[in-house]
Amino acid sequence: MIFVVIYTVIEFINFMLAYYVVFHVEFKKNKLSYVLLALLLFTIQIFVLEYLDSKAYDVVTLIAGFSIPLLLVNRILIKNVFIFPIIYIGTSLINVVGSYLIATLFGITQMQLLTSSSLIIASEMTCIMVLLSIYYIKKRNKILWESKIGGIQYVFLLGGLLALALVIGCIQCYEELRYIPTNLVCVLVIAIFSVFLLFFVLFAWHAITLRKEMEEREKKEEYASLIRIQQEYMYMIAERDENIRKFRHDLKAHVIALLAHAKENKDNVLENYVRKIGDYSEVESIYKYTGNTMMDGLLSELIERAKRKEIDIVCEIQFAVEDKWNIFDLCIIFFNLLMNAIEACEKIENKKNRKIVVRVIQDDKRIYIYIKNTFDEKNLLIKNKKIISTKEDKVNHGIGIKNVNKVIEYYYGTIENISDDGWYTVKVTV
């Protein structure tokens, strides 16, 4: 009776530790649940010992194990119930290995060990020590590791554990009988093949996953590098605007001094010249499109660039940058789309046909961007509804529109490209 109670308690602790350490399952803090479970298990134990074989204590162990996800876990999830077979087989295999180690230590066979209650209890402590060691290592090194098993992974893991259990079962059978029956030989061969197949599949799966992770990491690093370059560009514009403002502020002081000097000396020519400078100094270097310095600086820079290229550009921008929008994301969209429009117009030989129309509006949830430009049709190639760059360096071109697409995907937006009658239009919703 005492042995059965101790055995059940140790197995119960094994299962609890496996749930907590390996699968990060949170347990209830209500003591009443544990008391009720203890009473239930005690009643079942008495029934088993009274009406069944005294060696049937594994029945109590199974009931104790299945009661954990049903009675003691904070949230009853079906996945926690399905995890138990893995925990049960896994802890059993570790304890079997422990029993072989102890048997070797005492110079006896594993079957002889099973005749000693104290050695059985000692071997059952193997899994507890392993799990406590894992917990200590994770806590000391602050490892945030959580096992998440999908459906396919669950099948492979459970299948592998069952195969290992069959291999060990056949070894135990040979140890007891000194030979393996023919039917068990087939089972042993299939089990060993299954184990090797499992490890091969897991190795291939791991290799594929690592390759995908490396590719994804490289893409993220490339994207982060481009974002950093564009951020530096935005900061440069903002800093330049600040320097211009400082210079203009000081220039006003010099203009006032020169005007006073011109009036005192009755120098009308100098006074008129200085007044012209004064009028010029009142011109804002950055037009207020959105109210955000960086956004307005970028738009002003690009619009001014278009004018320098003798492009007729019309802007109707009616939106304000809000906290929910990442300013750098918006700058990526406007910078790349407007630069593409400007570069397309530059290639038009007849400067009178260089035109860009920019319209931006917003509602409570979305920003609607409409950029339309003329283009030379011989410089635009479309394949499979995608724009193919006509620039010589095709490796380093097209990155901008990829960045735009990434931003649009992040905000669950849309982008539409339309080419019609000499006009190229991009419609973006974010």
Protein backbone atom coordinates (compact mmCIF):
# COMPACT_ATOMS: atom_id res chain seq x y z
CA MET A 1 0.00 0.00 0.00
CA ILE A 2 2.78 2.45 0.98
CA PHE A 3 4.76 1.59 -2.16
CA VAL A 4 1.72 2.25 -4.40
CA VAL A 5 1.10 5.62 -2.75
CA ILE A 6 4.76 6.71 -3.07
CA TYR A 7 4.95 5.45 -6.66
CA THR A 8 1.77 7.33 -7.62
CA VAL A 9 2.97 10.56 -5.95
CA ILE A 10 6.35 10.42 -7.74
CA GLU A 11 4.71 9.79 -11.12
CA PHE A 12 2.26 12.61 -10.44
CA ILE A 13 5.18 14.98 -9.71
CA ASN A 14 6.86 13.79 -12.92
CA PHE A 15 3.80 14.72 -14.97
CA MET A 16 3.36 18.09 -13.23
CA LEU A 17 7.01 19.03 -13.82
CA ALA A 18 6.85 17.95 -17.47
CA TYR A 19 3.75 20.09 -18.05
CA TYR A 20 5.34 23.10 -16.35
CA VAL A 21 9.02 22.88 -17.38
CA VAL A 22 8.67 21.61 -20.97
CA PHE A 23 5.27 22.91 -22.06
CA HIS A 24 4.89 25.97 -19.75
CA VAL A 25 1.41 25.05 -18.57
CA GLU A 26 0.12 27.24 -15.73
CA PHE A 27 -1.61 25.51 -12.81
CA LYS A 28 -4.41 26.62 -10.51
CA LYS A 29 -3.48 28.08 -7.14
CA ASN A 30 -6.69 26.87 -5.54
CA LYS A 31 -5.69 24.35 -2.82
CA LEU A 32 -9.18 22.82 -2.80
CA SER A 33 -8.60 21.37 -6.30
CA TYR A 34 -5.49 19.53 -5.12
CA VAL A 35 -7.23 18.21 -1.97
CA LEU A 36 -10.20 16.90 -3.99
CA LEU A 37 -7.85 15.25 -6.49
CA ALA A 38 -5.86 13.60 -3.67
CA LEU A 39 -9.05 12.20 -2.15
CA LEU A 40 -10.18 10.92 -5.56
CA LEU A 41 -6.86 9.17 -6.21
CA PHE A 42 -6.80 7.69 -2.70
CA THR A 43 -10.28 6.23 -3.24
CA ILE A 44 -9.25 4.77 -6.61
CA GLN A 45 -6.12 3.26 -5.05
CA ILE A 46 -8.16 1.47 -2.37
CA PHE A 47 -10.51 0.13 -5.05
CA VAL A 48 -7.59 -1.11 -7.19
CA LEU A 49 -5.85 -2.80 -4.27
CA GLU A 50 -9.08 -4.34 -2.99
CA TYR A 51 -10.63 -5.62 -6.21
CA LEU A 52 -7.74 -5.75 -8.72
CA ASP A 53 -4.19 -7.05 -8.81
CA SER A 54 -1.85 -5.09 -6.53
CA LYS A 55 0.49 -4.65 -9.53
CA ALA A 56 -2.18 -2.66 -11.37
CA TYR A 57 -0.95 0.61 -9.81
CA ASP A 58 -0.27 1.94 -13.34
CA VAL A 59 -4.05 2.39 -13.65
CA VAL A 60 -3.94 4.90 -10.80
CA THR A 61 -0.93 6.59 -12.43
CA LEU A 62 -2.79 7.01 -15.73
CA ILE A 63 -5.84 8.45 -13.97
CA ALA A 64 -3.61 10.83 -12.00
CA GLY A 65 -1.92 11.96 -15.20
CA PHE A 66 -5.13 12.60 -17.15
CA SER A 67 -6.57 14.50 -14.18
CA ILE A 68 -3.86 17.20 -14.44
CA PRO A 69 -5.08 18.90 -17.67
CA LEU A 70 -8.71 18.41 -16.63
CA LEU A 71 -8.64 19.55 -12.99
CA LEU A 72 -5.46 21.48 -12.21
CA VAL A 73 -4.69 23.57 -15.31
CA ASN A 74 -5.83 27.20 -15.39
CA ARG A 75 -7.46 26.85 -18.79
CA ILE A 76 -8.78 23.50 -19.95
CA LEU A 77 -7.47 23.16 -23.49
CA ILE A 78 -7.79 20.05 -25.64
CA LYS A 79 -4.11 20.36 -26.61
CA ASN A 80 -3.08 19.87 -22.96
CA VAL A 81 -5.01 16.59 -22.89
CA PHE A 82 -3.33 15.41 -26.11
CA ILE A 83 0.08 16.35 -24.69
CA PHE A 84 -0.30 13.79 -21.88
CA PRO A 85 0.50 10.68 -24.00
CA ILE A 86 3.80 12.34 -24.99
CA ILE A 87 4.53 13.18 -21.37
CA TYR A 88 3.57 9.70 -20.16
CA ILE A 89 5.73 7.84 -22.70
CA GLY A 90 8.59 10.34 -22.45
CA THR A 91 8.84 10.23 -18.65
CA SER A 92 8.52 6.43 -18.71
CA LEU A 93 11.42 6.10 -21.17
CA ILE A 94 13.62 8.38 -19.05
CA ASN A 95 12.80 6.33 -15.95
CA VAL A 96 13.58 3.08 -17.83
CA VAL A 97 16.98 4.50 -18.77
CA GLY A 98 17.42 5.42 -15.11
CA SER A 99 16.55 1.87 -14.06
CA TYR A 100 19.21 0.48 -16.40
CA LEU A 101 21.79 2.89 -14.95
CA ILE A 102 20.92 1.87 -11.41
CA ALA A 103 20.96 -1.83 -12.35
CA THR A 104 24.42 -1.39 -13.88
CA LEU A 105 25.56 0.42 -10.75
CA PHE A 106 24.43 -2.46 -8.51
CA GLY A 107 25.60 -5.17 -10.92
CA ILE A 108 22.15 -6.65 -11.48
CA THR A 109 19.80 -7.00 -14.44
CA GLN A 110 16.96 -4.59 -15.05
CA MET A 111 14.47 -7.39 -14.42
CA GLN A 112 16.05 -8.07 -11.03
CA LEU A 113 15.76 -4.39 -10.21
CA LEU A 114 11.99 -4.58 -10.72
CA THR A 115 11.73 -6.99 -7.79
CA SER A 116 12.99 -4.31 -5.36
CA SER A 117 10.49 -1.62 -4.33
CA SER A 118 13.22 0.79 -3.15
CA LEU A 119 15.16 0.51 -6.42
CA ILE A 120 11.97 1.05 -8.43
CA ILE A 121 11.32 4.24 -6.44
CA ALA A 122 14.94 5.32 -7.02
CA SER A 123 14.64 4.76 -10.78
CA GLU A 124 11.35 6.71 -10.85
CA MET A 125 13.26 9.71 -9.44
CA THR A 126 15.39 9.88 -12.62
CA CYS A 127 12.88 11.96 -14.59
CA ILE A 128 12.32 14.33 -11.66
CA MET A 129 16.06 15.04 -11.47
CA VAL A 130 16.27 15.56 -15.25
CA LEU A 131 13.32 17.98 -15.30
CA LEU A 132 14.61 19.91 -12.26
CA SER A 133 18.01 20.21 -13.96
CA ILE A 134 16.36 21.60 -17.11
CA TYR A 135 14.35 24.06 -15.01
CA TYR A 136 17.50 25.20 -13.16
CA ILE A 137 19.45 25.71 -16.40
CA LYS A 138 16.60 27.67 -18.00
CA LYS A 139 16.13 29.88 -14.95
CA ARG A 140 19.86 30.51 -14.43
CA ASN A 141 20.49 31.38 -18.07
CA LYS A 142 17.13 33.18 -18.43
CA ILE A 143 16.14 31.02 -21.38
CA LEU A 144 12.65 31.87 -22.64
CA TRP A 145 11.86 28.56 -24.30
CA GLU A 146 8.32 27.37 -24.88
CA SER A 147 7.49 24.14 -26.70
CA LYS A 148 4.79 24.67 -29.31
CA ILE A 149 3.74 21.49 -31.07
CA GLY A 150 1.67 21.52 -34.24
CA GLY A 151 -0.41 18.62 -35.54
CA ILE A 152 2.28 17.13 -37.80
CA GLN A 153 4.98 17.60 -35.14
CA TYR A 154 2.71 15.88 -32.61
CA VAL A 155 2.28 12.82 -34.84
CA PHE A 156 6.03 12.52 -35.51
CA LEU A 157 7.00 13.01 -31.87
CA LEU A 158 4.42 10.56 -30.55
CA GLY A 159 5.33 8.03 -33.26
CA GLY A 160 9.02 8.33 -32.42
CA LEU A 161 8.42 7.85 -28.70
CA LEU A 162 6.24 4.79 -29.37
CA ALA A 163 8.93 3.34 -31.63
CA LEU A 164 11.56 3.85 -28.91
CA ALA A 165 9.23 2.28 -26.38
CA LEU A 166 8.87 -0.78 -28.65
CA VAL A 167 12.65 -1.08 -29.03
CA ILE A 168 13.18 -0.95 -25.27
CA GLY A 169 10.27 -3.37 -24.76
CA CYS A 170 11.92 -5.90 -27.08
CA ILE A 171 15.22 -5.50 -25.25
CA GLN A 172 13.46 -6.12 -21.93
CA CYS A 173 11.74 -9.17 -23.43
CA TYR A 174 15.09 -10.58 -24.55
CA GLU A 175 16.58 -9.90 -21.13
CA GLU A 176 13.79 -11.84 -19.45
CA LEU A 177 13.36 -14.72 -21.92
CA ARG A 178 16.88 -14.79 -23.41
CA TYR A 179 15.39 -14.81 -26.87
CA ILE A 180 13.00 -12.64 -28.89
CA PRO A 181 9.92 -14.35 -30.35
CA THR A 182 9.59 -14.18 -34.14
CA ASN A 183 6.64 -11.82 -34.05
CA LEU A 184 8.59 -9.43 -31.81
CA VAL A 185 11.57 -9.51 -34.19
CA CYS A 186 9.35 -7.96 -36.88
CA VAL A 187 8.11 -5.38 -34.41
CA LEU A 188 11.71 -4.58 -33.40
CA VAL A 189 12.84 -4.09 -37.02
CA ILE A 190 9.86 -1.85 -37.79
CA ALA A 191 10.44 0.13 -34.58
CA ILE A 192 14.15 0.68 -35.30
CA PHE A 193 13.38 1.70 -38.89
CA SER A 194 10.69 4.10 -37.60
CA VAL A 195 13.16 5.73 -35.20
CA PHE A 196 15.75 6.29 -37.93
CA LEU A 197 13.08 7.54 -40.34
CA LEU A 198 11.81 9.94 -37.69
CA PHE A 199 15.27 11.38 -37.09
CA PHE A 200 15.85 11.71 -40.84
CA VAL A 201 12.56 13.58 -41.29
CA LEU A 202 13.28 15.81 -38.29
CA PHE A 203 16.78 16.54 -39.62
CA ALA A 204 15.44 17.47 -43.06
CA TRP A 205 12.64 19.52 -41.51
CA HIS A 206 15.12 21.34 -39.28
CA ALA A 207 17.43 22.06 -42.24
CA ILE A 208 14.54 23.48 -44.31
CA THR A 209 13.33 25.57 -41.38
CA LEU A 210 16.83 26.95 -40.76
CA ARG A 211 17.21 27.87 -44.43
CA LYS A 212 13.87 29.70 -44.42
CA GLU A 213 14.77 31.49 -41.21
CA MET A 214 18.12 32.58 -42.68
CA GLU A 215 16.44 33.87 -45.84
CA GLU A 216 13.84 35.71 -43.78
CA ARG A 217 16.53 37.18 -41.53
CA GLU A 218 18.52 38.38 -44.57
CA LYS A 219 15.39 40.02 -45.99
CA LYS A 220 14.69 41.72 -42.67
CA GLU A 221 18.29 42.95 -42.42
CA GLU A 222 18.15 44.31 -45.97
CA TYR A 223 14.84 46.00 -45.22
CA ALA A 224 16.17 47.42 -41.93
CA SER A 225 19.23 48.79 -43.76
CA LEU A 226 17.07 50.53 -46.35
CA ILE A 227 14.79 51.92 -43.65
CA ARG A 228 17.84 53.24 -41.77
CA ILE A 229 19.14 54.98 -44.91
CA GLN A 230 15.76 56.60 -45.53
CA GLN A 231 15.47 57.62 -41.88
CA GLU A 232 18.87 59.30 -42.10
CA TYR A 233 17.65 61.09 -45.23
CA MET A 234 14.54 62.34 -43.39
CA TYR A 235 16.63 63.53 -40.46
CA MET A 236 18.97 65.33 -42.88
CA ILE A 237 16.01 67.18 -44.41
CA ALA A 238 14.69 68.13 -40.97
CA GLU A 239 18.16 69.29 -39.85
CA ARG A 240 18.66 71.30 -43.01
CA ASP A 241 15.30 72.98 -42.52
CA GLU A 242 16.25 73.86 -38.95
CA ASN A 243 19.55 75.35 -40.16
CA ILE A 244 17.69 77.38 -42.79
CA ARG A 245 15.30 78.69 -40.14
CA LYS A 246 18.22 79.68 -37.90
CA PHE A 247 19.96 81.41 -40.79
CA ARG A 248 16.78 83.26 -41.78
CA HIS A 249 16.25 84.34 -38.19
CA ASP A 250 19.76 85.85 -38.06
CA LEU A 251 19.39 87.30 -41.57
CA LYS A 252 16.38 89.35 -40.44
CA ALA A 253 18.53 91.00 -37.81
CA HIS A 254 21.17 91.88 -40.40
CA VAL A 255 18.50 93.19 -42.79
CA ILE A 256 17.10 95.48 -40.08
CA ALA A 257 20.59 96.82 -39.37
CA LEU A 258 21.27 97.42 -43.08
CA LEU A 259 17.91 99.19 -43.51
CA ALA A 260 18.69 101.50 -40.60
CA HIS A 261 22.08 102.24 -42.11
CA ALA A 262 20.57 102.93 -45.56
CA LYS A 263 17.92 105.30 -44.17
CA GLU A 264 20.45 107.17 -42.08
CA ASN A 265 22.66 107.72 -45.12
CA LYS A 266 19.68 108.27 -47.44
CA ASP A 267 20.90 105.50 -49.75
CA ASN A 268 17.74 104.64 -51.69
CA VAL A 269 19.48 102.07 -53.90
CA LEU A 270 20.78 100.12 -50.90
CA GLU A 271 17.44 100.45 -49.09
CA ASN A 272 15.46 99.03 -52.03
CA TYR A 273 17.97 96.21 -52.45
CA VAL A 274 17.80 95.31 -48.76
CA ARG A 275 13.99 95.41 -48.79
CA LYS A 276 14.00 92.87 -51.62
CA ILE A 277 16.16 90.61 -49.46
CA GLY A 278 13.75 91.15 -46.62
CA ASP A 279 10.78 90.10 -48.73
CA TYR A 280 12.65 86.98 -49.84
CA SER A 281 13.51 86.10 -46.24
CA GLU A 282 9.83 85.79 -45.43
CA VAL A 283 9.35 82.88 -47.85
CA GLU A 284 8.90 79.55 -45.99
CA SER A 285 11.45 76.91 -46.99
CA ILE A 286 8.98 74.11 -46.24
CA TYR A 287 5.32 74.23 -47.21
CA LYS A 288 2.86 72.98 -44.60
CA TYR A 289 1.18 70.01 -46.26
CA THR A 290 0.47 67.80 -43.25
CA GLY A 291 1.71 69.64 -40.17
CA ASN A 292 4.52 67.14 -39.61
CA THR A 293 7.99 68.63 -40.14
CA MET A 294 9.59 65.50 -41.58
CA MET A 295 6.66 64.68 -43.84
CA ASP A 296 6.36 68.27 -45.04
CA GLY A 297 10.13 68.48 -45.55
CA LEU A 298 10.11 65.38 -47.72
CA LEU A 299 7.12 66.51 -49.81
CA SER A 300 8.58 70.01 -50.25
CA GLU A 301 11.93 68.57 -51.31
CA LEU A 302 10.37 66.20 -53.86
CA ILE A 303 7.97 68.80 -55.27
CA GLU A 304 10.82 71.29 -55.58
CA ARG A 305 12.89 68.62 -57.31
CA ALA A 306 10.08 68.03 -59.80
CA LYS A 307 9.89 71.75 -60.55
CA ARG A 308 13.64 71.90 -61.13
CA LYS A 309 13.18 69.10 -63.69
CA GLU A 310 10.59 71.34 -65.42
CA ILE A 311 7.74 69.05 -64.45
CA ASP A 312 4.26 70.53 -64.06
CA ILE A 313 3.19 69.14 -60.67
CA VAL A 314 -0.24 69.64 -59.07
CA CYS A 315 -0.76 68.72 -55.40
CA GLU A 316 -4.01 68.34 -53.50
CA ILE A 317 -2.96 66.97 -50.11
CA GLN A 318 -5.59 66.89 -47.39
CA PHE A 319 -4.46 64.74 -44.50
CA ALA A 320 -2.79 65.17 -41.12
CA VAL A 321 -0.19 62.76 -39.76
CA GLU A 322 -1.63 61.09 -36.64
CA ASP A 323 0.04 59.09 -33.87
CA LYS A 324 -1.30 55.79 -35.27
CA TRP A 325 0.78 56.28 -38.42
CA ASN A 326 4.49 55.56 -38.42
CA ILE A 327 5.98 58.65 -40.07
CA PHE A 328 8.84 56.66 -41.59
CA ASP A 329 6.39 54.22 -43.20
CA LEU A 330 4.50 57.10 -44.83
CA CYS A 331 7.77 58.68 -45.97
CA ILE A 332 8.77 55.39 -47.61
CA ILE A 333 5.52 55.35 -49.63
CA PHE A 334 5.65 58.98 -50.75
CA PHE A 335 9.41 59.06 -51.38
CA ASN A 336 9.50 55.97 -53.61
CA LEU A 337 6.26 56.66 -55.52
CA LEU A 338 7.07 60.32 -56.17
CA MET A 339 10.67 59.54 -57.14
CA ASN A 340 9.39 56.94 -59.62
CA ALA A 341 6.97 59.54 -61.06
CA ILE A 342 9.72 62.18 -61.33
CA GLU A 343 12.14 59.75 -62.99
CA ALA A 344 9.45 58.65 -65.45
CA CYS A 345 8.71 62.28 -66.41
CA GLU A 346 12.43 63.07 -66.83
CA LYS A 347 12.58 60.58 -69.70
CA ILE A 348 9.94 62.48 -71.70
CA GLU A 349 11.79 64.55 -74.29
CA ASN A 350 9.00 67.11 -74.77
CA LYS A 351 9.12 69.02 -71.46
CA LYS A 352 5.58 70.35 -71.97
CA ASN A 353 4.28 66.80 -71.53
CA ARG A 354 5.94 66.31 -68.13
CA LYS A 355 3.07 66.26 -65.65
CA ILE A 356 2.43 64.83 -62.18
CA VAL A 357 -0.80 64.94 -60.19
CA VAL A 358 -0.76 64.13 -56.45
CA ARG A 359 -3.99 63.76 -54.49
CA VAL A 360 -4.15 62.58 -50.87
CA ILE A 361 -7.25 62.37 -48.68
CA GLN A 362 -8.11 60.50 -45.50
CA ASP A 363 -11.03 59.35 -43.41
CA ASP A 364 -11.20 58.03 -39.85
CA LYS A 365 -9.33 54.82 -40.66
CA ARG A 366 -7.51 55.09 -43.99
CA ILE A 367 -5.29 57.31 -46.13
CA TYR A 368 -5.97 57.30 -49.88
CA ILE A 369 -2.97 58.21 -52.07
CA TYR A 370 -3.40 58.92 -55.78
CA ILE A 371 -0.25 59.69 -57.84
CA LYS A 372 -0.57 60.12 -61.59
CA ASN A 373 2.22 60.95 -64.05
CA THR A 374 2.83 61.05 -67.77
CA PHE A 375 5.45 58.70 -69.18
CA ASP A 376 7.19 57.59 -72.33
CA GLU A 377 5.59 54.24 -73.19
CA LYS A 378 8.81 52.84 -74.62
CA ASN A 379 10.38 53.12 -71.15
CA LEU A 380 7.71 51.04 -69.40
CA LEU A 381 7.57 47.26 -69.64
CA ILE A 382 4.82 45.25 -67.93
CA LYS A 383 5.06 41.48 -67.48
CA ASN A 384 2.51 39.40 -65.56
CA LYS A 385 0.92 42.65 -64.33
CA LYS A 386 4.26 43.71 -62.79
CA ILE A 387 6.46 46.63 -63.81
CA ILE A 388 9.83 45.60 -65.24
CA SER A 389 12.55 48.21 -64.83
CA THR A 390 14.22 49.48 -68.02
CA LYS A 391 17.25 50.70 -66.06
CA GLU A 392 20.59 49.03 -66.77
CA ASP A 393 21.23 48.06 -63.11
CA LYS A 394 18.20 45.85 -62.53
CA VAL A 395 19.68 44.21 -59.42
CA ASN A 396 19.59 47.39 -57.34
CA HIS A 397 16.42 48.81 -58.85
CA GLY A 398 12.91 47.82 -57.87
CA ILE A 399 13.88 47.75 -54.17
CA GLY A 400 11.89 50.93 -53.51
CA ILE A 401 8.58 49.50 -54.72
CA LYS A 402 9.27 46.35 -52.68
CA ASN A 403 9.58 48.52 -49.59
CA VAL A 404 6.33 50.25 -50.48
CA ASN A 405 4.60 46.87 -50.81
CA LYS A 406 5.93 45.75 -47.42
CA VAL A 407 4.55 48.87 -45.73
CA ILE A 408 1.18 48.43 -47.45
CA GLU A 409 1.03 44.78 -46.38
CA TYR A 410 1.86 45.77 -42.79
CA TYR A 411 -1.14 48.12 -42.69
CA TYR A 412 -3.36 45.61 -44.57
CA GLY A 413 -3.68 48.12 -47.38
CA THR A 414 -3.91 47.85 -51.16
CA ILE A 415 -1.98 49.12 -54.18
CA GLU A 416 -3.19 49.35 -57.76
CA ASN A 417 -1.15 50.24 -60.86
CA ILE A 418 -2.91 51.52 -63.99
CA SER A 419 -1.34 52.42 -67.35
CA ASP A 420 -3.65 54.18 -69.79
CA ASP A 421 -3.21 56.61 -72.71
CA GLY A 422 0.22 57.95 -71.73
CA TRP A 423 -0.61 58.27 -68.03
CA TYR A 424 0.61 55.97 -65.30
CA THR A 425 -1.43 55.92 -62.08
CA VAL A 426 -0.72 54.41 -58.67
CA LYS A 427 -3.58 54.13 -56.17
CA VAL A 428 -2.63 53.26 -52.58
CA THR A 429 -4.85 52.70 -49.56
CA VAL A 430 -3.28 52.32 -46.12
